Amino acid sequence: MQYQAKHKHSLGRRCEGVASFTANAFVYESKEHPVRLSRANVVRNDGPGLKARGGKDWHFEFSGKDDKEVRSLFEDWYSRRARGRR
């Protein structure tokens, strides 16, 4: 499933794009800076986003969803990773 999304930059800026979750990656497509985070490059869920290896935080807004709903989407995706390790 794809979501119209905004990446939350520091200092309040936002860039627009499309976000999606695949079995092995979170993908954000935008003109400013596309992002593809494989499960191996994600350290943990971080609110409405993810913390990547190296310390970079990626936070998003999804159209029609509040922060709690976005957080749940990231948590669901990330928890599938944890369950897959068992």
PDB file of N, CA and C in Angstrom:
ATOM      1  N   MET A   1       0.835  -1.179   0.000  1.00  0.00           N
ATOM      2  CA  MET A   1       0.000   0.000   0.000  1.00  0.00           C
ATOM      3  C   MET A   1       0.882   1.244   0.000  1.00  0.00           C
ATOM      4  N   GLN A   2       0.463   2.257  -0.717  1.00  0.00           N
ATOM      5  CA  GLN A   2       1.209   3.511  -0.792  1.00  0.00           C
ATOM      6  C   GLN A   2       0.457   4.613  -0.051  1.00  0.00           C
ATOM      7  N   TYR A   3       1.227   5.559   0.481  1.00  0.00           N
ATOM      8  CA  TYR A   3       0.658   6.683   1.230  1.00  0.00           C
ATOM      9  C   TYR A   3       1.258   7.982   0.712  1.00  0.00           C
ATOM     10  N   GLN A   4       0.422   8.997   0.496  1.00  0.00           N
ATOM     11  CA  GLN A   4       0.930  10.334   0.243  1.00  0.00           C
ATOM     12  C   GLN A   4       1.570  10.771   1.551  1.00  0.00           C
ATOM     13  N   ALA A   5       2.811  11.218   1.496  1.00  0.00           N
ATOM     14  CA  ALA A   5       3.549  11.459   2.730  1.00  0.00           C
ATOM     15  C   ALA A   5       4.355  12.744   2.674  1.00  0.00           C
ATOM     16  N   LYS A   6       4.707  13.214   3.868  1.00  0.00           N
ATOM     17  CA  LYS A   6       5.627  14.340   4.022  1.00  0.00           C
ATOM     18  C   LYS A   6       6.710  13.904   4.986  1.00  0.00           C
ATOM     19  N   HIS A   7       7.946  14.088   4.571  1.00  0.00           N
ATOM     20  CA  HIS A   7       9.081  13.824   5.458  1.00  0.00           C
ATOM     21  C   HIS A   7       9.271  15.054   6.329  1.00  0.00           C
ATOM     22  N   LYS A   8       9.347  14.845   7.634  1.00  0.00           N
ATOM     23  CA  LYS A   8       9.515  15.948   8.585  1.00  0.00           C
ATOM     24  C   LYS A   8      11.006  16.251   8.731  1.00  0.00           C
ATOM     25  N   HIS A   9      11.418  17.368   8.176  1.00  0.00           N
ATOM     26  CA  HIS A   9      12.807  17.815   8.311  1.00  0.00           C
ATOM     27  C   HIS A   9      12.973  18.537   9.643  1.00  0.00           C
ATOM     28  N   SER A  10      14.207  18.702  10.051  1.00  0.00           N
ATOM     29  CA  SER A  10      14.448  19.527  11.232  1.00  0.00           C
ATOM     30  C   SER A  10      14.050  20.963  10.914  1.00  0.00           C
ATOM     31  N   LEU A  11      13.813  21.716  11.924  1.00  0.00           N
ATOM     32  CA  LEU A  11      13.421  23.131  11.809  1.00  0.00           C
ATOM     33  C   LEU A  11      12.073  23.310  11.127  1.00  0.00           C
ATOM     34  N   GLY A  12      11.228  22.257  11.133  1.00  0.00           N
ATOM     35  CA  GLY A  12       9.862  22.387  10.659  1.00  0.00           C
ATOM     36  C   GLY A  12       9.616  22.243   9.173  1.00  0.00           C
ATOM     37  N   ARG A  13      10.659  22.122   8.382  1.00  0.00           N
ATOM     38  CA  ARG A  13      10.462  21.940   6.931  1.00  0.00           C
ATOM     39  C   ARG A  13       9.872  20.567   6.650  1.00  0.00           C
ATOM     40  N   ARG A  14       9.241  20.429   5.481  1.00  0.00           N
ATOM     41  CA  ARG A  14       8.687  19.154   5.048  1.00  0.00           C
ATOM     42  C   ARG A  14       8.863  19.031   3.530  1.00  0.00           C
ATOM     43  N   CYS A  15       9.153  17.822   3.067  1.00  0.00           N
ATOM     44  CA  CYS A  15       9.139  17.581   1.630  1.00  0.00           C
ATOM     45  C   CYS A  15       8.082  16.518   1.356  1.00  0.00           C
ATOM     46  N   GLU A  16       7.474  16.580   0.185  1.00  0.00           N
ATOM     47  CA  GLU A  16       6.365  15.695  -0.154  1.00  0.00           C
ATOM     48  C   GLU A  16       6.811  14.545  -1.029  1.00  0.00           C
ATOM     49  N   GLY A  17       6.139  13.401  -0.848  1.00  0.00           N
ATOM     50  CA  GLY A  17       6.437  12.233  -1.652  1.00  0.00           C
ATOM     51  C   GLY A  17       5.428  11.131  -1.410  1.00  0.00           C
ATOM     52  N   VAL A  18       5.832   9.914  -1.761  1.00  0.00           N
ATOM     53  CA  VAL A  18       4.986   8.737  -1.602  1.00  0.00           C
ATOM     54  C   VAL A  18       5.766   7.709  -0.790  1.00  0.00           C
ATOM     55  N   ALA A  19       5.123   7.184   0.251  1.00  0.00           N
ATOM     56  CA  ALA A  19       5.760   6.184   1.115  1.00  0.00           C
ATOM     57  C   ALA A  19       5.092   4.832   0.931  1.00  0.00           C
ATOM     58  N   SER A  20       5.891   3.769   1.071  1.00  0.00           N
ATOM     59  CA  SER A  20       5.334   2.421   1.028  1.00  0.00           C
ATOM     60  C   SER A  20       6.211   1.487   1.849  1.00  0.00           C
ATOM     61  N   PHE A  21       5.596   0.405   2.284  1.00  0.00           N
ATOM     62  CA  PHE A  21       6.291  -0.635   3.031  1.00  0.00           C
ATOM     63  C   PHE A  21       6.308  -1.890   2.175  1.00  0.00           C
ATOM     64  N   THR A  22       7.466  -2.491   2.022  1.00  0.00           N
ATOM     65  CA  THR A  22       7.555  -3.797   1.376  1.00  0.00           C
ATOM     66  C   THR A  22       7.939  -4.794   2.464  1.00  0.00           C
ATOM     67  N   ALA A  23       8.028  -6.043   2.117  1.00  0.00           N
ATOM     68  CA  ALA A  23       8.398  -7.054   3.104  1.00  0.00           C
ATOM     69  C   ALA A  23       9.763  -6.753   3.714  1.00  0.00           C
ATOM     70  N   ASN A  24      10.675  -6.182   2.930  1.00  0.00           N
ATOM     71  CA  ASN A  24      12.048  -5.997   3.395  1.00  0.00           C
ATOM     72  C   ASN A  24      12.534  -4.556   3.463  1.00  0.00           C
ATOM     73  N   ALA A  25      11.675  -3.591   3.145  1.00  0.00           N
ATOM     74  CA  ALA A  25      12.159  -2.206   3.125  1.00  0.00           C
ATOM     75  C   ALA A  25      11.022  -1.212   3.312  1.00  0.00           C
ATOM     76  N   PHE A  26      11.392  -0.039   3.834  1.00  0.00           N
ATOM     77  CA  PHE A  26      10.526   1.130   3.818  1.00  0.00           C
ATOM     78  C   PHE A  26      11.045   2.014   2.690  1.00  0.00           C
ATOM     79  N   VAL A  27      10.143   2.458   1.824  1.00  0.00           N
ATOM     80  CA  VAL A  27      10.538   3.242   0.648  1.00  0.00           C
ATOM     81  C   VAL A  27       9.789   4.578   0.665  1.00  0.00           C
ATOM     82  N   TYR A  28      10.543   5.658   0.483  1.00  0.00           N
ATOM     83  CA  TYR A  28       9.956   6.988   0.370  1.00  0.00           C
ATOM     84  C   TYR A  28      10.488   7.603  -0.917  1.00  0.00           C
ATOM     85  N   GLU A  29       9.588   7.926  -1.818  1.00  0.00           N
ATOM     86  CA  GLU A  29       9.965   8.507  -3.104  1.00  0.00           C
ATOM     87  C   GLU A  29       9.592   9.978  -3.123  1.00  0.00           C
ATOM     88  N   SER A  30      10.602  10.818  -3.320  1.00  0.00           N
ATOM     89  CA  SER A  30      10.366  12.250  -3.444  1.00  0.00           C
ATOM     90  C   SER A  30      11.423  12.850  -4.349  1.00  0.00           C
ATOM     91  N   LYS A  31      11.120  14.030  -4.892  1.00  0.00           N
ATOM     92  CA  LYS A  31      12.091  14.712  -5.754  1.00  0.00           C
ATOM     93  C   LYS A  31      13.279  15.206  -4.949  1.00  0.00           C
ATOM     94  N   GLU A  32      13.034  15.615  -3.699  1.00  0.00           N
ATOM     95  CA  GLU A  32      14.103  16.196  -2.888  1.00  0.00           C
ATOM     96  C   GLU A  32      15.120  15.152  -2.437  1.00  0.00           C
ATOM     97  N   HIS A  33      14.641  14.043  -1.910  1.00  0.00           N
ATOM     98  CA  HIS A  33      15.565  12.990  -1.486  1.00  0.00           C
ATOM     99  C   HIS A  33      14.834  11.666  -1.244  1.00  0.00           C
ATOM    100  N   PRO A  34      14.874  10.795  -2.223  1.00  0.00           N
ATOM    101  CA  PRO A  34      14.264   9.476  -2.031  1.00  0.00           C
ATOM    102  C   PRO A  34      15.034   8.677  -0.982  1.00  0.00           C
ATOM    103  N   VAL A  35      14.298   7.807  -0.275  1.00  0.00           N
ATOM    104  CA  VAL A  35      14.884   7.006   0.795  1.00  0.00           C
ATOM    105  C   VAL A  35      14.437   5.555   0.632  1.00  0.00           C
ATOM    106  N   ARG A  36      15.372   4.649   0.790  1.00  0.00           N
ATOM    107  CA  ARG A  36      15.040   3.229   0.846  1.00  0.00           C
ATOM    108  C   ARG A  36      15.807   2.655   2.034  1.00  0.00           C
ATOM    109  N   LEU A  37      15.067   2.252   3.065  1.00  0.00           N
ATOM    110  CA  LEU A  37      15.682   1.685   4.254  1.00  0.00           C
ATOM    111  C   LEU A  37      15.354   0.198   4.311  1.00  0.00           C
ATOM    112  N   SER A  38      16.356  -0.610   4.083  1.00  0.00           N
ATOM    113  CA  SER A  38      16.144  -2.043   4.219  1.00  0.00           C
ATOM    114  C   SER A  38      16.019  -2.371   5.696  1.00  0.00           C
ATOM    115  N   ARG A  39      15.415  -3.486   6.001  1.00  0.00           N
ATOM    116  CA  ARG A  39      15.276  -3.899   7.400  1.00  0.00           C
ATOM    117  C   ARG A  39      16.644  -3.943   8.089  1.00  0.00           C
ATOM    118  N   ALA A  40      17.656  -4.374   7.374  1.00  0.00           N
ATOM    119  CA  ALA A  40      19.003  -4.478   7.958  1.00  0.00           C
ATOM    120  C   ALA A  40      19.576  -3.118   8.348  1.00  0.00           C
ATOM    121  N   ASN A  41      19.064  -2.037   7.732  1.00  0.00           N
ATOM    122  CA  ASN A  41      19.565  -0.695   8.023  1.00  0.00           C
ATOM    123  C   ASN A  41      18.728   0.066   9.034  1.00  0.00           C
ATOM    124  N   VAL A  42      17.735  -0.588   9.617  1.00  0.00           N
ATOM    125  CA  VAL A  42      16.883   0.040  10.621  1.00  0.00           C
ATOM    126  C   VAL A  42      17.274  -0.474  12.000  1.00  0.00           C
ATOM    127  N   VAL A  43      17.531   0.450  12.907  1.00  0.00           N
ATOM    128  CA  VAL A  43      17.892   0.090  14.272  1.00  0.00           C
ATOM    129  C   VAL A  43      16.637  -0.156  15.104  1.00  0.00           C
ATOM    130  N   ARG A  44      15.640   0.754  14.948  1.00  0.00           N
ATOM    131  CA  ARG A  44      14.411   0.619  15.723  1.00  0.00           C
ATOM    132  C   ARG A  44      13.324   1.528  15.166  1.00  0.00           C
ATOM    133  N   ASN A  45      12.107   1.271  15.611  1.00  0.00           N
ATOM    134  CA  ASN A  45      10.986   2.158  15.344  1.00  0.00           C
ATOM    135  C   ASN A  45      11.212   3.427  16.167  1.00  0.00           C
ATOM    136  N   ASP A  46      10.807   4.575  15.640  1.00  0.00           N
ATOM    137  CA  ASP A  46      11.019   5.832  16.354  1.00  0.00           C
ATOM    138  C   ASP A  46       9.825   6.747  16.122  1.00  0.00           C
ATOM    139  N   GLY A  47       8.764   6.557  16.910  1.00  0.00           N
ATOM    140  CA  GLY A  47       7.568   7.379  16.748  1.00  0.00           C
ATOM    141  C   GLY A  47       6.983   7.194  15.371  1.00  0.00           C
ATOM    142  N   PRO A  48       6.600   8.291  14.704  1.00  0.00           N
ATOM    143  CA  PRO A  48       6.055   8.172  13.354  1.00  0.00           C
ATOM    144  C   PRO A  48       7.183   8.049  12.323  1.00  0.00           C
ATOM    145  N   GLY A  49       8.070   7.081  12.557  1.00  0.00           N
ATOM    146  CA  GLY A  49       9.201   6.891  11.662  1.00  0.00           C
ATOM    147  C   GLY A  49      10.167   5.843  12.170  1.00  0.00           C
ATOM    148  N   LEU A  50      11.389   5.936  11.699  1.00  0.00           N
ATOM    149  CA  LEU A  50      12.417   4.942  11.983  1.00  0.00           C
ATOM    150  C   LEU A  50      13.742   5.601  12.328  1.00  0.00           C
ATOM    151  N   LYS A  51      14.565   4.885  13.084  1.00  0.00           N
ATOM    152  CA  LYS A  51      15.943   5.300  13.323  1.00  0.00           C
ATOM    153  C   LYS A  51      16.823   4.351  12.524  1.00  0.00           C
ATOM    154  N   ALA A  52      17.645   4.922  11.653  1.00  0.00           N
ATOM    155  CA  ALA A  52      18.517   4.130  10.789  1.00  0.00           C
ATOM    156  C   ALA A  52      19.882   3.932  11.443  1.00  0.00           C
ATOM    157  N   ARG A  53      20.591   2.927  10.979  1.00  0.00           N
ATOM    158  CA  ARG A  53      21.981   2.754  11.425  1.00  0.00           C
ATOM    159  C   ARG A  53      22.713   4.044  11.099  1.00  0.00           C
ATOM    160  N   GLY A  54      23.617   4.444  11.952  1.00  0.00           N
ATOM    161  CA  GLY A  54      24.308   5.717  11.775  1.00  0.00           C
ATOM    162  C   GLY A  54      23.630   6.847  12.523  1.00  0.00           C
ATOM    163  N   GLY A  55      22.422   6.586  13.080  1.00  0.00           N
ATOM    164  CA  GLY A  55      21.771   7.565  13.933  1.00  0.00           C
ATOM    165  C   GLY A  55      20.751   8.479  13.294  1.00  0.00           C
ATOM    166  N   LYS A  56      20.566   8.422  11.978  1.00  0.00           N
ATOM    167  CA  LYS A  56      19.607   9.310  11.307  1.00  0.00           C
ATOM    168  C   LYS A  56      18.178   8.895  11.650  1.00  0.00           C
ATOM    169  N   ASP A  57      17.363   9.873  12.051  1.00  0.00           N
ATOM    170  CA  ASP A  57      15.938   9.659  12.295  1.00  0.00           C
ATOM    171  C   ASP A  57      15.161  10.069  11.053  1.00  0.00           C
ATOM    172  N   TRP A  58      14.184   9.260  10.703  1.00  0.00           N
ATOM    173  CA  TRP A  58      13.301   9.556   9.580  1.00  0.00           C
ATOM    174  C   TRP A  58      11.874   9.574  10.112  1.00  0.00           C
ATOM    175  N   HIS A  59      11.240  10.758  10.145  1.00  0.00           N
ATOM    176  CA  HIS A  59       9.873  10.905  10.640  1.00  0.00           C
ATOM    177  C   HIS A  59       8.980  11.422   9.522  1.00  0.00           C
ATOM    178  N   PHE A  60       7.721  10.958   9.544  1.00  0.00           N
ATOM    179  CA  PHE A  60       6.808  11.250   8.437  1.00  0.00           C
ATOM    180  C   PHE A  60       5.410  11.587   8.911  1.00  0.00           C
ATOM    181  N   GLU A  61       4.677  12.278   8.041  1.00  0.00           N
ATOM    182  CA  GLU A  61       3.233  12.465   8.133  1.00  0.00           C
ATOM    183  C   GLU A  61       2.642  11.750   6.927  1.00  0.00           C
ATOM    184  N   PHE A  62       1.552  11.019   7.131  1.00  0.00           N
ATOM    185  CA  PHE A  62       0.849  10.374   6.020  1.00  0.00           C
ATOM    186  C   PHE A  62      -0.511  11.052   5.877  1.00  0.00           C
ATOM    187  N   SER A  63      -0.875  11.382   4.662  1.00  0.00           N
ATOM    188  CA  SER A  63      -2.142  12.038   4.399  1.00  0.00           C
ATOM    189  C   SER A  63      -3.304  11.209   4.947  1.00  0.00           C
ATOM    190  N   GLY A  64      -4.194  11.869   5.709  1.00  0.00           N
ATOM    191  CA  GLY A  64      -5.368  11.204   6.246  1.00  0.00           C
ATOM    192  C   GLY A  64      -5.111  10.389   7.505  1.00  0.00           C
ATOM    193  N   LYS A  65      -3.873  10.423   8.033  1.00  0.00           N
ATOM    194  CA  LYS A  65      -3.518   9.663   9.232  1.00  0.00           C
ATOM    195  C   LYS A  65      -2.925  10.623  10.266  1.00  0.00           C
ATOM    196  N   ASP A  66      -3.266  10.387  11.543  1.00  0.00           N
ATOM    197  CA  ASP A  66      -2.625  11.184  12.583  1.00  0.00           C
ATOM    198  C   ASP A  66      -1.310  10.506  12.977  1.00  0.00           C
ATOM    199  N   ASP A  67      -0.524  11.173  13.831  1.00  0.00           N
ATOM    200  CA  ASP A  67       0.787  10.629  14.218  1.00  0.00           C
ATOM    201  C   ASP A  67       0.683   9.243  14.848  1.00  0.00           C
ATOM    202  N   LYS A  68      -0.371   9.023  15.625  1.00  0.00           N
ATOM    203  CA  LYS A  68      -0.558   7.715  16.267  1.00  0.00           C
ATOM    204  C   LYS A  68      -0.765   6.611  15.220  1.00  0.00           C
ATOM    205  N   GLU A  69      -1.553   6.899  14.197  1.00  0.00           N
ATOM    206  CA  GLU A  69      -1.791   5.914  13.128  1.00  0.00           C
ATOM    207  C   GLU A  69      -0.519   5.646  12.330  1.00  0.00           C
ATOM    208  N   VAL A  70       0.249   6.704  12.057  1.00  0.00           N
ATOM    209  CA  VAL A  70       1.510   6.532  11.326  1.00  0.00           C
ATOM    210  C   VAL A  70       2.474   5.700  12.168  1.00  0.00           C
ATOM    211  N   ARG A  71       2.539   6.009  13.444  1.00  0.00           N
ATOM    212  CA  ARG A  71       3.400   5.239  14.344  1.00  0.00           C
ATOM    213  C   ARG A  71       3.018   3.759  14.319  1.00  0.00           C
ATOM    214  N   SER A  72       1.721   3.473  14.335  1.00  0.00           N
ATOM    215  CA  SER A  72       1.245   2.088  14.298  1.00  0.00           C
ATOM    216  C   SER A  72       1.669   1.380  13.016  1.00  0.00           C
ATOM    217  N   LEU A  73       1.628   2.090  11.898  1.00  0.00           N
ATOM    218  CA  LEU A  73       2.069   1.489  10.633  1.00  0.00           C
ATOM    219  C   LEU A  73       3.546   1.102  10.701  1.00  0.00           C
ATOM    220  N   PHE A  74       4.375   2.012  11.221  1.00  0.00           N
ATOM    221  CA  PHE A  74       5.798   1.707  11.362  1.00  0.00           C
ATOM    222  C   PHE A  74       6.023   0.571  12.369  1.00  0.00           C
ATOM    223  N   GLU A  75       5.284   0.595  13.479  1.00  0.00           N
ATOM    224  CA  GLU A  75       5.430  -0.465  14.479  1.00  0.00           C
ATOM    225  C   GLU A  75       5.035  -1.826  13.911  1.00  0.00           C
ATOM    226  N   ASP A  76       3.936  -1.860  13.158  1.00  0.00           N
ATOM    227  CA  ASP A  76       3.498  -3.123  12.545  1.00  0.00           C
ATOM    228  C   ASP A  76       4.559  -3.653  11.585  1.00  0.00           C
ATOM    229  N   TRP A  77       5.100  -2.772  10.756  1.00  0.00           N
ATOM    230  CA  TRP A  77       6.139  -3.196   9.810  1.00  0.00           C
ATOM    231  C   TRP A  77       7.374  -3.692  10.552  1.00  0.00           C
ATOM    232  N   TYR A  78       7.785  -2.927  11.552  1.00  0.00           N
ATOM    233  CA  TYR A  78       8.997  -3.294  12.292  1.00  0.00           C
ATOM    234  C   TYR A  78       8.798  -4.569  13.107  1.00  0.00           C
ATOM    235  N   SER A  79       7.614  -4.774  13.677  1.00  0.00           N
ATOM    236  CA  SER A  79       7.368  -5.983  14.469  1.00  0.00           C
ATOM    237  C   SER A  79       7.372  -7.233  13.606  1.00  0.00           C
ATOM    238  N   ARG A  80       7.004  -7.109  12.342  1.00  0.00           N
ATOM    239  CA  ARG A  80       7.106  -8.273  11.422  1.00  0.00           C
ATOM    240  C   ARG A  80       8.554  -8.686  11.307  1.00  0.00           C
ATOM    241  N   ARG A  81       9.469  -7.721  11.366  1.00  0.00           N
ATOM    242  CA  ARG A  81      10.904  -8.033  11.327  1.00  0.00           C
ATOM    243  C   ARG A  81      11.288  -8.849  12.548  1.00  0.00           C
ATOM    244  N   ALA A  82      10.847  -8.411  13.727  1.00  0.00           N
ATOM    245  CA  ALA A  82      11.200  -9.109  14.964  1.00  0.00           C
ATOM    246  C   ALA A  82      10.617 -10.520  14.987  1.00  0.00           C
ATOM    247  N   ARG A  83       9.377 -10.676  14.548  1.00  0.00           N
ATOM    248  CA  ARG A  83       8.762 -11.999  14.522  1.00  0.00           C
ATOM    249  C   ARG A  83       9.495 -12.913  13.552  1.00  0.00           C
ATOM    250  N   GLY A  84      10.029 -12.357  12.469  1.00  0.00           N
ATOM    251  CA  GLY A  84      10.736 -13.163  11.467  1.00  0.00           C
ATOM    252  C   GLY A  84      12.046 -13.720  11.989  1.00  0.00           C
ATOM    253  N   ARG A  85      12.584 -13.148  13.066  1.00  0.00           N
ATOM    254  CA  ARG A  85      13.853 -13.613  13.634  1.00  0.00           C
ATOM    255  C   ARG A  85      13.695 -14.860  14.491  1.00  0.00           C
ATOM    256  N   ARG A  86      12.478 -15.125  14.945  1.00  0.00           N
ATOM    257  CA  ARG A  86      12.260 -16.248  15.853  1.00  0.00           C
ATOM    258  C   ARG A  86      12.346 -17.569  15.141  1.00  0.00           C
TER     259      ARG A  86
END
